């Protein structure tokens, strides 16, 4: 013979205290620090595609890069191929990579 025990969710929820905003932020910062310490590096291929449709017609651009990260603050991008509008590649896609590199440097 089996006995069933039932606990209402309201009783369980009322006994748990909500976390304060400071407590949540501290836990997030601790988790970020742990993740950063565990991440030694990575390498991956990224493909960026951009399509412009506007006053001057339609233009496409594609940039394939190898992204390499080495802890704690070294991020590099190597362009493997580029295709399409050089204006979009130079003024948008390469600027995007430049901004990401600068953001990495300013974090450390």
Foldseek 3Di string as FASTA:
>chain_A
DDDDDDDDPVVVVVVDDDDDPVRVVVVVVVVVVVVLVPDQKDKDKDKDKDWDDDDVGIWIKIWIWIWIDGPPQDIDIDTPDIDIDPCCCVPPVVVVVVVVSVVSVVVD
